[in-house]
C-alpha atoms as a PDB file:
ATOM      1  CA  MET A   1       1.696  30.553  87.473  1.00  0.00           C
ATOM      2  CA  ASP A   2      -0.180  33.926  87.847  1.00  0.00           C
ATOM      3  CA  ARG A   3      -3.810  32.559  86.668  1.00  0.00           C
ATOM      4  CA  ALA A   4      -5.291  36.432  87.390  1.00  0.00           C
ATOM      5  CA  SER A   5      -2.421  37.734  85.022  1.00  0.00           C
ATOM      6  CA  LEU A   6      -2.757  34.888  82.369  1.00  0.00           C
ATOM      7  CA  ALA A   7      -6.296  35.029  82.398  1.00  0.00           C
ATOM      8  CA  ASP A   8      -6.776  39.059  82.005  1.00  0.00           C
ATOM      9  CA  PHE A   9      -4.186  39.086  79.538  1.00  0.00           C
ATOM     10  CA  LEU A  10      -5.781  36.651  77.163  1.00  0.00           C
ATOM     11  CA  ARG A  11      -9.050  37.977  77.662  1.00  0.00           C
ATOM     12  CA  ARG A  12      -7.770  41.189  76.569  1.00  0.00           C
ATOM     13  CA  ARG A  13      -5.914  40.080  73.663  1.00  0.00           C
ATOM     14  CA  ARG A  14      -8.494  38.189  72.533  1.00  0.00           C
ATOM     15  CA  GLU A  15     -11.124  41.155  72.267  1.00  0.00           C
ATOM     16  CA  ALA A  16      -8.365  43.657  71.007  1.00  0.00           C
ATOM     17  CA  LEU A  17      -8.588  41.026  67.663  1.00  0.00           C
ATOM     18  CA  ARG A  18     -11.505  41.340  65.288  1.00  0.00           C
ATOM     19  CA  PRO A  19     -12.213  38.004  62.894  1.00  0.00           C
ATOM     20  CA  GLU A  20     -10.945  39.976  59.760  1.00  0.00           C
ATOM     21  CA  ASP A  21      -7.753  40.278  61.616  1.00  0.00           C
ATOM     22  CA  VAL A  22      -7.262  36.577  61.638  1.00  0.00           C
ATOM     23  CA  GLY A  23      -9.075  35.583  58.348  1.00  0.00           C
ATOM     24  CA  LEU A  24     -12.177  35.089  60.047  1.00  0.00           C
ATOM     25  CA  PRO A  25     -15.551  36.530  58.051  1.00  0.00           C
ATOM     26  CA  PRO A  26     -16.955  39.587  60.510  1.00  0.00           C
ATOM     27  CA  GLY A  27     -20.713  37.190  60.267  1.00  0.00           C
ATOM     28  CA  ALA A  28     -23.447  38.688  62.588  1.00  0.00           C
ATOM     29  CA  ARG A  29     -23.456  41.773  64.470  1.00  0.00           C
ATOM     30  CA  ARG A  30     -21.470  40.612  67.659  1.00  0.00           C
ATOM     31  CA  ARG A  31     -22.673  41.280  71.381  1.00  0.00           C
ATOM     32  CA  ALA A  32     -19.039  41.738  72.477  1.00  0.00           C
ATOM     33  CA  PRO A  33     -15.852  42.998  71.039  1.00  0.00           C
ATOM     34  CA  GLY A  34     -13.276  41.292  69.596  1.00  0.00           C
ATOM     35  CA  LEU A  35     -13.020  37.165  68.825  1.00  0.00           C
ATOM     36  CA  ARG A  36     -15.387  34.606  70.751  1.00  0.00           C
ATOM     37  CA  ARG A  37     -13.589  32.015  72.909  1.00  0.00           C
ATOM     38  CA  GLU A  38     -14.315  29.057  70.633  1.00  0.00           C
ATOM     39  CA  GLU A  39     -12.465  31.240  67.778  1.00  0.00           C
ATOM     40  CA  VAL A  40      -9.546  31.725  69.839  1.00  0.00           C
ATOM     41  CA  ALA A  41      -9.525  27.643  70.573  1.00  0.00           C
ATOM     42  CA  ALA A  42     -10.050  26.778  66.802  1.00  0.00           C
ATOM     43  CA  LEU A  43      -7.548  29.039  65.957  1.00  0.00           C
ATOM     44  CA  ALA A  44      -4.990  27.443  68.452  1.00  0.00           C
ATOM     45  CA  VAL A  45      -5.956  23.581  68.013  1.00  0.00           C
ATOM     46  CA  MET A  46      -7.590  22.979  71.709  1.00  0.00           C
ATOM     47  CA  SER A  47     -11.160  22.636  73.150  1.00  0.00           C
ATOM     48  CA  THR A  48     -13.396  25.883  73.813  1.00  0.00           C
ATOM     49  CA  ASP A  49     -13.524  24.113  77.566  1.00  0.00           C
ATOM     50  CA  TYR A  50      -9.645  24.071  77.785  1.00  0.00           C
ATOM     51  CA  TYR A  51      -9.972  27.968  76.879  1.00  0.00           C
ATOM     52  CA  THR A  52     -12.460  29.017  78.757  1.00  0.00           C
ATOM     53  CA  ARG A  53     -11.161  27.336  81.945  1.00  0.00           C
ATOM     54  CA  LEU A  54      -7.851  29.586  81.252  1.00  0.00           C
ATOM     55  CA  GLU A  55      -9.652  32.672  81.085  1.00  0.00           C
ATOM     56  CA  GLN A  56     -11.881  31.972  84.077  1.00  0.00           C
ATOM     57  CA  GLN A  57      -8.658  31.007  86.182  1.00  0.00           C
ATOM     58  CA  ARG A  58      -9.928  27.207  86.566  1.00  0.00           C
ATOM     59  CA  GLY A  59      -7.546  25.814  84.084  1.00  0.00           C
ATOM     60  CA  PRO A  60      -3.944  23.672  84.212  1.00  0.00           C
ATOM     61  CA  GLN A  61      -1.002  25.007  83.568  1.00  0.00           C
ATOM     62  CA  PRO A  62      -0.494  24.776  79.902  1.00  0.00           C
ATOM     63  CA  SER A  63       2.467  23.559  78.201  1.00  0.00           C
ATOM     64  CA  GLU A  64       4.849  25.309  75.964  1.00  0.00           C
ATOM     65  CA  GLN A  65       3.402  23.917  73.034  1.00  0.00           C
ATOM     66  CA  MET A  66       0.119  25.063  73.745  1.00  0.00           C
ATOM     67  CA  LEU A  67       1.586  28.242  74.683  1.00  0.00           C
ATOM     68  CA  ALA A  68       3.125  28.683  71.252  1.00  0.00           C
ATOM     69  CA  SER A  69       0.023  27.634  69.982  1.00  0.00           C
ATOM     70  CA  LEU A  70      -1.912  30.428  71.663  1.00  0.00           C
ATOM     71  CA  ALA A  71       0.876  32.999  70.980  1.00  0.00           C
ATOM     72  CA  ARG A  72       0.012  32.310  67.486  1.00  0.00           C
ATOM     73  CA  ALA A  73      -3.557  32.055  67.561  1.00  0.00           C
ATOM     74  CA  LEU A  74      -3.680  35.460  69.366  1.00  0.00           C
ATOM     75  CA  ARG A  75      -1.297  37.136  66.869  1.00  0.00           C
ATOM     76  CA  LEU A  76       1.183  38.274  69.534  1.00  0.00           C
ATOM     77  CA  THR A  77       4.604  39.956  69.316  1.00  0.00           C
ATOM     78  CA  GLY A  78       7.601  38.520  70.354  1.00  0.00           C
ATOM     79  CA  ASP A  79       7.490  40.253  73.858  1.00  0.00           C
ATOM     80  CA  GLU A  80       3.804  39.438  74.352  1.00  0.00           C
ATOM     81  CA  ARG A  81       4.713  35.721  73.372  1.00  0.00           C
ATOM     82  CA  ALA A  82       7.690  36.448  76.079  1.00  0.00           C
ATOM     83  CA  TYR A  83       4.962  37.774  78.967  1.00  0.00           C
ATOM     84  CA  LEU A  84       2.683  35.061  78.401  1.00  0.00           C
ATOM     85  CA  PHE A  85       5.059  32.353  78.857  1.00  0.00           C
ATOM     86  CA  ARG A  86       6.525  34.221  82.059  1.00  0.00           C
ATOM     87  CA  VAL A  87       2.866  34.854  83.368  1.00  0.00           C
ATOM     88  CA  ALA A  88       2.114  30.916  82.553  1.00  0.00           C
ATOM     89  CA  GLY A  89       4.668  29.611  85.195  1.00  0.00           C
ATOM     90  CA  ARG A  90       7.105  28.703  82.140  1.00  0.00           C
ATOM     91  CA  GLY A  91      10.054  31.313  82.348  1.00  0.00           C
ATOM     92  CA  THR A  92      10.866  33.510  79.414  1.00  0.00           C
ATOM     93  CA  PRO A  93      11.926  31.657  76.281  1.00  0.00           C
ATOM     94  CA  ALA A  94      15.551  31.958  75.835  1.00  0.00           C
ATOM     95  CA  SER A  95      14.859  33.349  72.309  1.00  0.00           C
ATOM     96  CA  VAL A  96      11.685  33.462  69.855  1.00  0.00           C
ATOM     97  CA  SER A  97      12.208  30.676  68.008  1.00  0.00           C
ATOM     98  CA  THR A  98      11.454  30.630  64.300  1.00  0.00           C
ATOM     99  CA  ALA A  99      10.006  26.999  64.713  1.00  0.00           C
ATOM    100  CA  THR A 100       7.395  28.100  67.265  1.00  0.00           C
ATOM    101  CA  HIS A 101       6.452  31.904  66.820  1.00  0.00           C
ATOM    102  CA  VAL A 102       5.200  33.229  63.423  1.00  0.00           C
ATOM    103  CA  ALA A 103       6.111  36.759  62.577  1.00  0.00           C
ATOM    104  CA  PRO A 104       2.579  38.620  63.228  1.00  0.00           C
ATOM    105  CA  ALA A 105       3.036  40.611  60.489  1.00  0.00           C
ATOM    106  CA  LEU A 106       3.515  37.824  57.741  1.00  0.00           C
ATOM    107  CA  LEU A 107       0.227  36.410  59.314  1.00  0.00           C
ATOM    108  CA  ARG A 108      -1.828  39.431  59.023  1.00  0.00           C
ATOM    109  CA  VAL A 109      -1.130  39.112  55.469  1.00  0.00           C
ATOM    110  CA  LEU A 110      -1.911  35.432  55.037  1.00  0.00           C
ATOM    111  CA  ASP A 111      -4.936  35.939  56.592  1.00  0.00           C
ATOM    112  CA  ARG A 112      -6.244  38.406  54.062  1.00  0.00           C
ATOM    113  CA  LEU A 113      -5.036  35.394  51.018  1.00  0.00           C
ATOM    114  CA  ASP A 114      -7.973  32.842  51.059  1.00  0.00           C
ATOM    115  CA  ASP A 115      -8.301  32.460  46.848  1.00  0.00           C
ATOM    116  CA  THR A 116      -4.518  31.392  46.219  1.00  0.00           C
ATOM    117  CA  PRO A 117      -2.063  29.480  47.791  1.00  0.00           C
ATOM    118  CA  ALA A 118       0.174  30.913  50.514  1.00  0.00           C
ATOM    119  CA  LEU A 119       2.213  29.120  53.434  1.00  0.00           C
ATOM    120  CA  ILE A 120       5.142  30.961  55.764  1.00  0.00           C
ATOM    121  CA  LEU A 121       8.419  29.146  55.956  1.00  0.00           C
ATOM    122  CA  SER A 122      11.090  29.191  58.269  1.00  0.00           C
ATOM    123  CA  ASP A 123      14.561  29.780  57.043  1.00  0.00           C
ATOM    124  CA  LEU A 124      15.202  25.798  57.596  1.00  0.00           C
ATOM    125  CA  GLY A 125      11.963  25.022  55.196  1.00  0.00           C
ATOM    126  CA  GLU A 126       9.552  24.097  57.763  1.00  0.00           C
ATOM    127  CA  THR A 127       5.653  25.249  57.328  1.00  0.00           C
ATOM    128  CA  LEU A 128       5.007  27.157  60.163  1.00  0.00           C
ATOM    129  CA  VAL A 129       1.325  27.876  58.534  1.00  0.00           C
ATOM    130  CA  GLN A 130      -0.265  27.755  55.613  1.00  0.00           C
ATOM    131  CA  ASN A 131      -3.884  28.292  54.017  1.00  0.00           C
ATOM    132  CA  GLN A 132      -6.680  26.170  52.858  1.00  0.00           C
ATOM    133  CA  MET A 133      -5.321  26.910  48.878  1.00  0.00           C
ATOM    134  CA  ALA A 134      -1.904  25.529  50.146  1.00  0.00           C
ATOM    135  CA  ALA A 135      -2.825  22.551  51.976  1.00  0.00           C
ATOM    136  CA  ALA A 136      -4.958  21.556  49.208  1.00  0.00           C
ATOM    137  CA  LEU A 137      -2.207  21.741  46.998  1.00  0.00           C
ATOM    138  CA  PHE A 138       0.238  20.453  48.922  1.00  0.00           C
ATOM    139  CA  GLY A 139      -1.225  18.679  51.508  1.00  0.00           C
ATOM    140  CA  ASP A 140      -1.210  19.132  55.319  1.00  0.00           C
ATOM    141  CA  GLU A 141       2.863  20.161  55.892  1.00  0.00           C
ATOM    142  CA  THR A 142       2.440  21.535  59.612  1.00  0.00           C
ATOM    143  CA  GLY A 143       2.213  18.480  61.109  1.00  0.00           C
ATOM    144  CA  TYR A 144       5.661  16.633  60.801  1.00  0.00           C
ATOM    145  CA  THR A 145       8.005  16.303  63.926  1.00  0.00           C
ATOM    146  CA  GLY A 146      11.566  15.973  64.086  1.00  0.00           C
ATOM    147  CA  LEU A 147      13.995  16.426  61.262  1.00  0.00           C
ATOM    148  CA  ALA A 148      11.345  15.903  58.810  1.00  0.00           C
ATOM    149  CA  ARG A 149       9.689  19.235  59.562  1.00  0.00           C
ATOM    150  CA  SER A 150      11.956  20.918  57.325  1.00  0.00           C
ATOM    151  CA  GLY A 151      11.647  20.344  53.711  1.00  0.00           C
ATOM    152  CA  ILE A 152      14.790  20.470  52.805  1.00  0.00           C
ATOM    153  CA  TYR A 153      15.343  17.391  54.877  1.00  0.00           C
ATOM    154  CA  ARG A 154      12.278  15.687  53.662  1.00  0.00           C
ATOM    155  CA  TRP A 155      13.157  16.304  49.694  1.00  0.00           C
ATOM    156  CA  PHE A 156      16.578  14.281  50.231  1.00  0.00           C
ATOM    157  CA  THR A 157      15.526  11.656  52.723  1.00  0.00           C
ATOM    158  CA  ASP A 158      11.514  10.938  51.197  1.00  0.00           C
ATOM    159  CA  PRO A 159      11.110  10.046  47.441  1.00  0.00           C
ATOM    160  CA  SER A 160       7.616  11.212  47.477  1.00  0.00           C
ATOM    161  CA  GLU A 161       8.172  14.711  48.308  1.00  0.00           C
ATOM    162  CA  ARG A 162       9.793  15.248  44.982  1.00  0.00           C
ATOM    163  CA  LEU A 163       6.555  13.914  43.305  1.00  0.00           C
ATOM    164  CA  ARG A 164       4.866  17.815  43.100  1.00  0.00           C
ATOM    165  CA  TYR A 165       7.781  18.544  40.581  1.00  0.00           C
ATOM    166  CA  PRO A 166       8.464  17.526  37.313  1.00  0.00           C
ATOM    167  CA  GLU A 167      11.647  15.052  36.794  1.00  0.00           C
ATOM    168  CA  GLY A 168      13.531  17.342  34.457  1.00  0.00           C
ATOM    169  CA  ASP A 169      13.092  20.093  37.395  1.00  0.00           C
ATOM    170  CA  ARG A 170      14.351  18.075  40.413  1.00  0.00           C
ATOM    171  CA  ASP A 171      17.942  18.693  39.923  1.00  0.00           C
ATOM    172  CA  ARG A 172      17.160  22.553  40.066  1.00  0.00           C
ATOM    173  CA  GLN A 173      15.090  21.906  43.121  1.00  0.00           C
ATOM    174  CA  SER A 174      17.908  19.948  44.556  1.00  0.00           C
ATOM    175  CA  ARG A 175      20.461  22.935  44.359  1.00  0.00           C
ATOM    176  CA  ALA A 176      17.837  25.116  45.452  1.00  0.00           C
ATOM    177  CA  GLN A 177      17.661  23.587  48.680  1.00  0.00           C
ATOM    178  CA  VAL A 178      20.881  22.975  49.556  1.00  0.00           C
ATOM    179  CA  ALA A 179      21.412  26.617  48.411  1.00  0.00           C
ATOM    180  CA  ASN A 180      18.773  27.795  50.961  1.00  0.00           C
ATOM    181  CA  LEU A 181      20.080  25.777  53.745  1.00  0.00           C
ATOM    182  CA  ARG A 182      23.989  27.010  53.100  1.00  0.00           C
ATOM    183  CA  ALA A 183      22.292  30.300  53.916  1.00  0.00           C
ATOM    184  CA  ALA A 184      20.645  29.631  57.012  1.00  0.00           C
ATOM    185  CA  TYR A 185      23.518  27.735  58.149  1.00  0.00           C
ATOM    186  CA  GLY A 186      25.835  30.610  57.583  1.00  0.00           C
ATOM    187  CA  SER A 187      23.906  32.928  59.635  1.00  0.00           C
ATOM    188  CA  MET A 188      22.662  30.388  62.344  1.00  0.00           C
ATOM    189  CA  GLY A 189      26.254  28.417  62.595  1.00  0.00           C
ATOM    190  CA  PRO A 190      27.143  25.126  63.119  1.00  0.00           C
ATOM    191  CA  GLN A 191      25.975  24.423  66.433  1.00  0.00           C
ATOM    192  CA  SER A 192      22.268  25.682  65.765  1.00  0.00           C
ATOM    193  CA  ARG A 193      19.373  23.633  64.327  1.00  0.00           C
ATOM    194  CA  ALA A 194      20.626  24.249  60.529  1.00  0.00           C
ATOM    195  CA  GLY A 195      24.264  22.632  61.796  1.00  0.00           C
ATOM    196  CA  GLU A 196      22.268  19.746  63.289  1.00  0.00           C
ATOM    197  CA  LEU A 197      20.401  19.423  59.583  1.00  0.00           C
ATOM    198  CA  VAL A 198      23.351  19.419  57.750  1.00  0.00           C
ATOM    199  CA  ARG A 199      24.972  16.928  59.536  1.00  0.00           C
ATOM    200  CA  ALA A 200      22.207  14.613  59.415  1.00  0.00           C
ATOM    201  CA  LEU A 201      21.573  14.760  55.744  1.00  0.00           C
ATOM    202  CA  ARG A 202      25.535  14.475  55.118  1.00  0.00           C
ATOM    203  CA  LYS A 203      25.089  10.800  56.284  1.00  0.00           C
ATOM    204  CA  ALA A 204      21.702  10.291  54.919  1.00  0.00           C
ATOM    205  CA  SER A 205      21.853  11.401  51.496  1.00  0.00           C
ATOM    206  CA  ALA A 206      25.138  11.047  48.874  1.00  0.00           C
ATOM    207  CA  GLU A 207      23.639  13.913  46.906  1.00  0.00           C
ATOM    208  CA  PHE A 208      23.395  16.230  49.478  1.00  0.00           C
ATOM    209  CA  ALA A 209      27.001  15.484  50.562  1.00  0.00           C
ATOM    210  CA  GLU A 210      28.350  16.184  46.932  1.00  0.00           C
ATOM    211  CA  LEU A 211      26.129  19.382  46.792  1.00  0.00           C
ATOM    212  CA  TRP A 212      26.780  20.750  49.660  1.00  0.00           C
ATOM    213  CA  GLU A 213      30.661  20.880  48.835  1.00  0.00           C
ATOM    214  CA  ARG A 214      29.707  23.049  46.248  1.00  0.00           C
ATOM    215  CA  HIS A 215      29.337  26.120  48.662  1.00  0.00           C
ATOM    216  CA  GLU A 216      26.554  27.629  46.889  1.00  0.00           C
ATOM    217  CA  VAL A 217      24.641  30.245  48.862  1.00  0.00           C
ATOM    218  CA  ALA A 218      21.367  31.985  47.940  1.00  0.00           C
ATOM    219  CA  LYS A 219      17.707  32.315  49.278  1.00  0.00           C
ATOM    220  CA  ARG A 220      15.908  31.102  46.105  1.00  0.00           C
ATOM    221  CA  PHE A 221      12.487  30.975  44.867  1.00  0.00           C
ATOM    222  CA  GLU A 222      12.175  30.510  41.279  1.00  0.00           C
ATOM    223  CA  ASP A 223       9.568  33.339  40.119  1.00  0.00           C
ATOM    224  CA  HIS A 224       7.888  30.770  37.770  1.00  0.00           C
ATOM    225  CA  LYS A 225       7.603  27.143  38.540  1.00  0.00           C
ATOM    226  CA  THR A 226       5.385  23.931  37.152  1.00  0.00           C
ATOM    227  CA  LEU A 227       3.784  22.029  40.447  1.00  0.00           C
ATOM    228  CA  ILE A 228       2.383  18.704  40.001  1.00  0.00           C
ATOM    229  CA  HIS A 229      -1.074  18.135  41.721  1.00  0.00           C
ATOM    230  CA  PRO A 230      -2.171  14.432  41.979  1.00  0.00           C
ATOM    231  CA  GLU A 231      -5.007  14.786  40.341  1.00  0.00           C
ATOM    232  CA  LEU A 232      -4.788  18.518  38.493  1.00  0.00           C
ATOM    233  CA  GLY A 233      -1.643  17.468  37.034  1.00  0.00           C
ATOM    234  CA  ALA A 234       0.861  20.343  35.946  1.00  0.00           C
ATOM    235  CA  ILE A 235      -0.007  23.610  37.364  1.00  0.00           C
ATOM    236  CA  GLU A 236       2.270  27.005  36.266  1.00  0.00           C
ATOM    237  CA  VAL A 237       2.366  29.100  39.152  1.00  0.00           C
ATOM    238  CA  ASP A 238       4.149  32.166  39.871  1.00  0.00           C
ATOM    239  CA  CYS A 239       6.343  32.619  42.718  1.00  0.00           C
ATOM    240  CA  GLN A 240       6.182  36.230  45.203  1.00  0.00           C
ATOM    241  CA  VAL A 241       7.826  36.112  48.274  1.00  0.00           C
ATOM    242  CA  LEU A 242       7.516  38.594  51.248  1.00  0.00           C
ATOM    243  CA  PHE A 243      10.249  38.133  54.085  1.00  0.00           C
ATOM    244  CA  THR A 244      10.611  39.403  57.667  1.00  0.00           C
ATOM    245  CA  GLU A 245      13.232  42.176  58.267  1.00  0.00           C
ATOM    246  CA  ASP A 246      15.656  39.523  59.322  1.00  0.00           C
ATOM    247  CA  GLN A 247      14.815  37.118  56.615  1.00  0.00           C
ATOM    248  CA  SER A 248      14.001  34.258  59.341  1.00  0.00           C
ATOM    249  CA  GLN A 249      10.706  33.507  57.496  1.00  0.00           C
ATOM    250  CA  ALA A 250       9.306  34.414  54.229  1.00  0.00           C
ATOM    251  CA  LEU A 251       5.708  34.253  52.957  1.00  0.00           C
ATOM    252  CA  LEU A 252       5.467  32.482  49.989  1.00  0.00           C
ATOM    253  CA  VAL A 253       2.312  33.182  47.657  1.00  0.00           C
ATOM    254  CA  LEU A 254       1.490  31.561  44.430  1.00  0.00           C
ATOM    255  CA  THR A 255      -0.396  32.876  41.440  1.00  0.00           C
ATOM    256  CA  ALA A 256      -1.160  32.087  38.071  1.00  0.00           C
ATOM    257  CA  ALA A 257      -1.707  34.591  35.498  1.00  0.00           C
ATOM    258  CA  PRO A 258      -5.585  35.261  34.351  1.00  0.00           C
ATOM    259  CA  HIS A 259      -7.046  33.366  31.557  1.00  0.00           C
ATOM    260  CA  THR A 260      -4.469  30.683  31.629  1.00  0.00           C
ATOM    261  CA  GLU A 261      -4.473  26.432  32.477  1.00  0.00           C
ATOM    262  CA  GLY A 262      -2.939  27.264  35.687  1.00  0.00           C
ATOM    263  CA  TYR A 263      -5.242  30.179  36.365  1.00  0.00           C
ATOM    264  CA  GLU A 264      -8.159  27.978  35.984  1.00  0.00           C
ATOM    265  CA  LYS A 265      -6.642  24.883  38.170  1.00  0.00           C
ATOM    266  CA  LEU A 266      -6.228  27.392  41.208  1.00  0.00           C
ATOM    267  CA  ARG A 267      -9.888  28.207  40.523  1.00  0.00           C
ATOM    268  CA  LEU A 268     -11.008  24.479  40.539  1.00  0.00           C
ATOM    269  CA  LEU A 269      -8.798  23.794  43.145  1.00  0.00           C
ATOM    270  CA  ALA A 270     -10.451  26.695  45.426  1.00  0.00           C
ATOM    271  CA  VAL A 271     -13.745  24.938  44.794  1.00  0.00           C
ATOM    272  CA  LEU A 272     -12.634  21.208  45.753  1.00  0.00           C
ATOM    273  CA  GLY A 273     -10.655  22.018  48.610  1.00  0.00           C
ATOM    274  CA  ARG A 274      -8.610  19.146  49.967  1.00  0.00           C
ATOM    275  CA  GLN A 275     -11.288  16.748  49.111  1.00  0.00           C
ATOM    276  CA  ARG A 276      -9.931  13.784  46.552  1.00  0.00           C
ATOM    277  CA  PHE A 277     -11.499  13.865  43.518  1.00  0.00           C
ATOM    278  CA  THR A 278     -11.218  11.665  40.156  1.00  0.00           C
ATOM    279  CA  ASP A 279     -10.099  12.322  36.193  1.00  0.00           C
ATOM    280  CA  ALA A 280     -14.252  11.450  35.500  1.00  0.00           C
ATOM    281  CA  GLU A 281     -15.033  14.423  37.625  1.00  0.00           C
ATOM    282  CA  ILE A 282     -12.880  16.697  36.054  1.00  0.00           C
ATOM    283  CA  ASN A 283     -13.353  16.351  32.651  1.00  0.00           C
END
C-alpha cells in the first residue's frame, strides 16, 4: 500500500470536483476548492474520520468494497479506479465490473435529476444507484446482496416484488425481465454472472424456466407504464432510458406529463420523500 500516493490521489480528485458535479447544492462560499472531506465521506458512506485519516496517510488499508465506494463518490473513470486499487495495495481489478462501478457519464446525468425518479441499472437488473425520488417510489434497492441484487431474480423469487405493478401487467413484465436477461446472457456467456443467474432461476421458478425456453431477446423498457405505490396508489409514468456505449448500464428516468394525475402524484412524492403517510393526509 502506497499511503502517500493514495492520500495525494484522493485529495487531488476531491479538489477537482465541485458540489454540483455530484448533485450537491453549491452552498456558501468555500475557502478551499473542491468538495469537503465530509462530503466525500457521506457520498462514500463512510465516517469523515476514516476518510480524513486516508488523506493524512494514517488510515488502515481500505477494503475492496471501500475502494469501490470511494471510486463512485469521486466519479472515477475505469482507469482512475484501477489506479486507486493499485496504490491501495489491492492490485488491479481484472475488469471494471458493472456490479461495482457506475459509469461516470451516467452518474453526471443522475446527479442533476432531483425532481423525478431516476436510477442506474446494470444489465442484470441490479440497481447500482438511485436518487431520492426513486427511493421514495421503489424503496431502497441498493442494499441487496448475492443473487437478490438483481431485480430479475427478485421478480421470480419474491412475490412482494410484483406488487408495484398492476396484476394485469405482470405477465408482460415477466416476459420483459426474461428477455432482458437473455440479452445479457448472450453477451456475457454461460460462465458469467448472467449464467449463474439463469441457472439459479431455472431451478427456483417454473415460470422463468418456461419463459426462458421461448428465446425472446430484447432490452425492454416500456415507454409508458403504471406503477403501484403503497400509499399513492397507481402512478402512470413515461420511461426514458440512456445506455452506456456498451449497453452494460442504463439510466432509467421516470416522468409524467404535466397536468396529469401521475404528475401531481410525483410532485407529492417529491415533497414527502420516503416517509410513510396515511390516506387521511392524502385526502
